[in-house]
Amino acid sequence: MCDAYHCSFIGSTDPNRYYPSPSINGYVKSKSSNLRIISGSASGGVKLVVNPDKIKTLDDLKGKKIATPQKGNTQDVAFLNWIAEKGWKVDPESGKGDVSVVRTDNKVTPDAFKQGSIDGAWVPEPTASKLVSDGASVLLDETDLWPDKKFVITNVIVSQKFLKEHPDVVEAVLAGTVKTNEWINANPDKAKASANAALKALSGKELEPAVIDPAWKSILVTDDPLAATLKTESDWAVKAKLIEQPDLAGIYDLTLLNKVLKAAGKPEVSDAGLGAK
């Protein structure tokens, strides 16, 4: 859900959903020239769900096959870091080790779970709740691993060229997202129904209540990009040797967002020292 209803790349003719790690990858590979993170979008909504017949405690994960969406994506990095903190060893490239990290597209993860080819998954919503509806149980909510129980899962980003040429358009979009986020948080049931209707229009199928209800509750919609947590996630990727230490200076430009927030009487948000100079 947090990768399906509220994140866009402004300035592109083909809007895309961007997780934090790909934002870092895109920024670094372009030598800091192609994008800026201009707002937050969502926090949380990531869970470790497992086959309760095979895994009853966190220690039981050793020797099991656990899916993540993609090598180097946000959930993959978080899981690799959690494994390392347990003192277990996993090769970050192959996923082989004390725990088998199986990189699996979220679309096929439920089928892989049903077939028994994986024993669990560290995944975002709504995949996590879909697995629970298929018989999995929640063993860990990643939210509980963060000091403030908040961490970035989705951002709003814009091409630097578009931001420079059309700041008025970007500001108008941000004014809309701030109002929309406020409405979503004030009207969770209506927002949930609206998102589900949009999913049905896009895919031809809406999510069942057993999936969307718990998934929706686990996601926090927020204007704050939670920049400090992006830096932490970057450090985890470096620690896992998936990337070299990146220079993230300038990845954020929250000038227009803070202008909009101030005008709306809301507190400004921080770029954690990673703002554009």
Protein backbone atom coordinates (compact mmCIF):
# COMPACT_ATOMS: atom_id res chain seq x y z
CA MET A 1 0.00 0.00 0.00
CA CYS A 2 2.71 2.45 0.90
CA ASP A 3 4.26 1.70 -2.48
CA ALA A 4 0.98 2.01 -4.34
CA TYR A 5 -1.00 5.04 -3.38
CA HIS A 6 1.04 7.98 -2.27
CA CYS A 7 4.45 8.55 -3.81
CA SER A 8 5.38 10.15 -7.09
CA PHE A 9 8.28 11.48 -9.08
CA ILE A 10 7.32 15.05 -9.99
CA GLY A 11 8.66 16.19 -13.35
CA SER A 12 8.44 12.83 -15.07
CA THR A 13 5.98 11.94 -17.80
CA ASP A 14 5.69 8.51 -16.21
CA PRO A 15 5.06 8.77 -12.44
CA ASN A 16 6.85 6.10 -10.42
CA ARG A 17 6.95 4.87 -6.85
CA TYR A 18 10.31 5.26 -5.16
CA TYR A 19 11.54 3.56 -2.01
CA PRO A 20 14.27 5.32 -0.03
CA SER A 21 17.14 3.04 -1.10
CA PRO A 22 16.46 3.54 -4.83
CA SER A 23 16.35 7.28 -4.14
CA ILE A 24 19.84 7.01 -2.69
CA ASN A 25 21.00 4.87 -5.58
CA GLY A 26 19.61 7.27 -8.17
CA TYR A 27 21.11 10.27 -6.45
CA VAL A 28 24.56 8.75 -6.04
CA LYS A 29 24.80 7.13 -9.48
CA SER A 30 23.93 10.43 -11.14
CA LYS A 31 26.68 12.15 -9.15
CA SER A 32 24.05 14.10 -7.19
CA SER A 33 22.49 15.59 -10.31
CA ASN A 34 19.14 13.95 -11.02
CA LEU A 35 16.75 14.22 -8.08
CA ARG A 36 15.83 15.83 -4.80
CA ILE A 37 13.66 14.45 -2.01
CA ILE A 38 11.14 17.21 -1.37
CA SER A 39 8.70 15.64 1.09
CA GLY A 40 7.88 12.62 3.14
CA SER A 41 4.95 10.40 2.33
CA ALA A 42 4.75 7.34 4.56
CA SER A 43 6.36 5.65 7.54
CA GLY A 44 6.16 2.09 8.79
CA GLY A 45 4.10 -0.70 7.32
CA VAL A 46 6.90 -3.28 7.28
CA LYS A 47 6.65 -6.62 9.09
CA LEU A 48 8.42 -9.93 9.47
CA VAL A 49 5.73 -12.54 8.94
CA VAL A 50 6.40 -16.26 9.19
CA ASN A 51 4.97 -19.75 8.98
CA PRO A 52 3.95 -20.31 12.63
CA ASP A 53 4.37 -24.07 12.28
CA LYS A 54 8.07 -23.68 11.44
CA ILE A 55 9.01 -20.46 13.25
CA LYS A 56 7.81 -19.58 16.72
CA THR A 57 10.59 -17.29 17.97
CA LEU A 58 13.09 -14.94 16.36
CA ASP A 59 15.89 -17.43 17.04
CA ASP A 60 14.02 -19.97 14.92
CA LEU A 61 14.83 -17.93 11.81
CA LYS A 62 18.30 -19.45 11.67
CA GLY A 63 18.41 -21.95 8.82
CA LYS A 64 15.11 -20.76 7.34
CA LYS A 65 14.25 -19.12 4.00
CA ILE A 66 12.97 -15.56 4.38
CA ALA A 67 11.91 -13.40 1.45
CA THR A 68 12.64 -9.72 0.89
CA PRO A 69 11.36 -7.75 -2.12
CA GLN A 70 14.68 -7.04 -3.85
CA LYS A 71 18.40 -6.98 -3.18
CA GLY A 72 19.36 -3.62 -1.70
CA ASN A 73 15.82 -2.33 -1.28
CA THR A 74 14.72 -0.83 2.03
CA GLN A 75 13.34 -4.04 3.54
CA ASP A 76 16.28 -6.11 2.32
CA VAL A 77 18.77 -3.73 3.94
CA ALA A 78 16.80 -3.62 7.20
CA PHE A 79 16.64 -7.42 7.36
CA LEU A 80 20.35 -7.82 6.62
CA ASN A 81 21.11 -5.35 9.39
CA TRP A 82 18.85 -7.20 11.81
CA ILE A 83 20.59 -10.48 10.93
CA ALA A 84 24.01 -8.91 11.51
CA GLU A 85 22.91 -7.59 14.91
CA LYS A 86 21.91 -11.15 15.82
CA GLY A 87 25.50 -12.16 15.13
CA TRP A 88 24.53 -14.31 12.16
CA LYS A 89 26.33 -14.28 8.82
CA VAL A 90 24.74 -13.83 5.38
CA ASP A 91 26.42 -13.04 2.09
CA PRO A 92 24.65 -9.84 0.95
CA GLU A 93 25.05 -10.64 -2.74
CA SER A 94 23.78 -14.22 -2.82
CA GLY A 95 21.62 -14.07 0.30
CA LYS A 96 23.12 -17.35 1.49
CA GLY A 97 24.17 -17.89 5.07
CA ASP A 98 22.78 -18.57 8.53
CA VAL A 99 19.47 -17.33 7.15
CA SER A 100 18.63 -17.70 3.47
CA VAL A 101 17.52 -14.29 2.20
CA VAL A 102 15.38 -14.97 -0.86
CA ARG A 103 14.83 -11.91 -3.04
CA THR A 104 11.28 -12.29 -4.33
CA ASP A 105 8.91 -9.89 -6.06
CA ASN A 106 6.07 -8.96 -3.71
CA LYS A 107 3.58 -10.06 -6.35
CA VAL A 108 4.73 -13.69 -6.14
CA THR A 109 5.69 -13.84 -2.46
CA PRO A 110 2.22 -15.03 -1.33
CA ASP A 111 2.33 -17.93 -3.81
CA ALA A 112 5.87 -18.80 -2.74
CA PHE A 113 4.66 -18.89 0.86
CA LYS A 114 1.69 -21.10 0.02
CA GLN A 115 3.96 -23.49 -1.88
CA GLY A 116 6.39 -23.68 1.02
CA SER A 117 9.39 -22.40 -0.93
CA ILE A 118 9.85 -19.68 1.70
CA ASP A 119 9.26 -19.83 5.46
CA GLY A 120 8.45 -16.16 5.90
CA ALA A 121 9.08 -12.67 4.60
CA TRP A 122 10.29 -9.22 5.69
CA VAL A 123 7.94 -7.19 3.53
CA PRO A 124 5.89 -3.99 3.31
CA GLU A 125 2.13 -3.72 3.31
CA PRO A 126 -0.15 -4.94 1.89
CA THR A 127 2.00 -8.02 1.20
CA ALA A 128 2.54 -8.61 4.91
CA SER A 129 -1.19 -8.64 5.66
CA LYS A 130 -1.87 -10.76 2.58
CA LEU A 131 0.54 -13.37 3.95
CA VAL A 132 -1.17 -13.23 7.35
CA SER A 133 -4.52 -13.82 5.67
CA ASP A 134 -2.91 -16.88 4.06
CA GLY A 135 -1.87 -18.32 7.41
CA ALA A 136 1.31 -16.48 8.36
CA SER A 137 1.76 -14.75 11.71
CA VAL A 138 3.49 -11.46 12.52
CA LEU A 139 6.73 -12.17 14.36
CA LEU A 140 8.14 -8.64 14.30
CA ASP A 141 6.96 -5.16 13.32
CA GLU A 142 9.94 -3.12 12.09
CA THR A 143 8.40 -0.04 13.68
CA ASP A 144 9.35 -1.45 17.07
CA LEU A 145 13.04 -1.42 16.11
CA TRP A 146 13.17 2.36 15.66
CA PRO A 147 13.62 4.73 18.64
CA ASP A 148 10.63 6.94 17.75
CA LYS A 149 8.72 4.11 16.07
CA LYS A 150 9.02 6.02 12.78
CA PHE A 151 11.13 5.36 9.71
CA VAL A 152 10.89 6.43 6.11
CA ILE A 153 9.31 3.99 3.71
CA THR A 154 8.22 6.31 0.90
CA ASN A 155 9.24 9.80 -0.24
CA VAL A 156 8.12 12.36 -2.79
CA ILE A 157 10.97 13.19 -5.16
CA VAL A 158 11.42 15.55 -8.09
CA SER A 159 13.93 15.91 -10.88
CA GLN A 160 16.33 18.75 -10.15
CA LYS A 161 15.71 20.18 -13.61
CA PHE A 162 11.95 20.30 -13.07
CA LEU A 163 12.35 21.78 -9.60
CA LYS A 164 14.55 24.55 -10.96
CA GLU A 165 12.32 25.33 -13.93
CA HIS A 166 8.90 24.94 -12.28
CA PRO A 167 9.10 25.71 -8.55
CA ASP A 168 5.55 27.08 -8.63
CA VAL A 169 4.22 23.75 -9.89
CA VAL A 170 6.18 21.80 -7.29
CA GLU A 171 4.93 24.09 -4.53
CA ALA A 172 1.35 23.61 -5.71
CA VAL A 173 1.80 19.82 -5.69
CA LEU A 174 3.23 19.96 -2.17
CA ALA A 175 0.35 22.15 -1.01
CA GLY A 176 -1.94 19.43 -2.33
CA THR A 177 -0.06 16.59 -0.66
CA VAL A 178 -0.01 18.38 2.70
CA LYS A 179 -3.78 18.89 2.53
CA THR A 180 -4.29 15.33 1.35
CA ASN A 181 -2.15 13.90 4.15
CA GLU A 182 -4.11 15.92 6.68
CA TRP A 183 -7.38 14.61 5.25
CA ILE A 184 -6.12 11.01 5.22
CA ASN A 185 -5.13 11.17 8.88
CA ALA A 186 -8.41 12.83 9.84
CA ASN A 187 -10.56 10.43 7.80
CA PRO A 188 -8.82 7.03 7.86
CA ASP A 189 -11.87 4.98 6.90
CA LYS A 190 -12.81 7.21 3.96
CA ALA A 191 -9.17 7.38 2.85
CA LYS A 192 -8.87 3.60 3.04
CA ALA A 193 -12.00 3.16 0.95
CA SER A 194 -10.78 5.71 -1.58
CA ALA A 195 -7.39 4.02 -1.88
CA ASN A 196 -9.02 0.62 -2.31
CA ALA A 197 -11.32 1.99 -5.02
CA ALA A 198 -8.28 3.42 -6.81
CA LEU A 199 -6.52 0.06 -6.61
CA LYS A 200 -9.58 -1.61 -8.14
CA ALA A 201 -9.67 0.95 -10.95
CA LEU A 202 -5.98 0.43 -11.66
CA SER A 203 -5.71 -3.32 -11.26
CA GLY A 204 -9.28 -4.55 -11.56
CA LYS A 205 -9.25 -5.91 -8.02
CA GLU A 206 -9.58 -4.35 -4.61
CA LEU A 207 -8.00 -5.63 -1.42
CA GLU A 208 -10.13 -7.74 0.90
CA PRO A 209 -10.95 -6.29 4.34
CA ALA A 210 -8.76 -8.97 5.96
CA VAL A 211 -5.82 -7.46 4.10
CA ILE A 212 -6.46 -3.74 3.81
CA ASP A 213 -7.74 -3.20 7.36
CA PRO A 214 -4.59 -4.31 9.24
CA ALA A 215 -2.32 -2.96 6.49
CA TRP A 216 -3.84 0.50 6.71
CA LYS A 217 -3.48 0.66 10.47
CA SER A 218 0.24 -0.05 10.31
CA ILE A 219 1.11 2.83 7.98
CA LEU A 220 1.64 6.42 9.10
CA VAL A 221 1.04 9.02 6.40
CA THR A 222 3.37 11.95 7.04
CA ASP A 223 4.81 15.09 5.45
CA ASP A 224 8.05 14.58 7.35
CA PRO A 225 10.63 12.74 5.21
CA LEU A 226 12.26 11.46 8.43
CA ALA A 227 15.64 12.31 6.95
CA ALA A 228 17.69 10.97 9.83
CA THR A 229 16.25 7.50 9.27
CA LEU A 230 17.23 7.61 5.59
CA LYS A 231 20.81 8.26 6.71
CA THR A 232 20.56 5.28 9.07
CA GLU A 233 19.27 3.06 6.27
CA SER A 234 22.16 4.24 4.09
CA ASP A 235 24.62 3.36 6.85
CA TRP A 236 23.07 -0.11 7.09
CA ALA A 237 23.53 -0.65 3.33
CA VAL A 238 27.19 0.38 3.67
CA LYS A 239 27.61 -1.94 6.64
CA ALA A 240 26.14 -4.80 4.59
CA LYS A 241 28.61 -3.96 1.80
CA LEU A 242 25.81 -3.44 -0.70
CA ILE A 243 27.01 0.09 -1.46
CA GLU A 244 30.06 2.23 -0.79
CA GLN A 245 29.71 5.17 1.60
CA PRO A 246 27.57 7.65 -0.37
CA ASP A 247 27.73 11.42 -0.26
CA LEU A 248 24.11 12.33 0.46
CA ALA A 249 24.71 16.07 0.87
CA GLY A 250 22.00 17.85 -1.09
CA ILE A 251 19.67 14.90 -1.53
CA TYR A 252 16.94 16.89 0.25
CA ASP A 253 15.40 20.23 -0.63
CA LEU A 254 12.63 20.90 1.86
CA THR A 255 12.44 24.64 1.20
CA LEU A 256 9.09 24.56 -0.56
CA LEU A 257 7.63 21.95 1.80
CA ASN A 258 8.53 24.04 4.84
CA LYS A 259 7.07 27.10 3.14
CA VAL A 260 3.80 25.23 2.64
CA LEU A 261 3.85 23.84 6.19
CA LYS A 262 4.50 27.25 7.69
CA ALA A 263 1.64 28.78 5.70
CA ALA A 264 -0.62 26.01 6.98
CA GLY A 265 0.43 26.65 10.58
CA LYS A 266 2.27 23.34 10.82
CA PRO A 267 5.78 22.75 12.20
CA GLU A 268 8.65 22.68 9.74
CA VAL A 269 10.59 19.46 9.17
CA SER A 270 14.32 18.73 9.16
CA ASP A 271 16.63 17.52 6.42
CA ALA A 272 19.07 16.15 9.06
CA GLY A 273 21.90 18.19 7.55
CA LEU A 274 21.46 16.65 4.11
CA GLY A 275 19.80 19.61 2.43
CA ALA A 276 20.74 21.30 -0.82
CA LYS A 277 23.22 24.11 -0.36
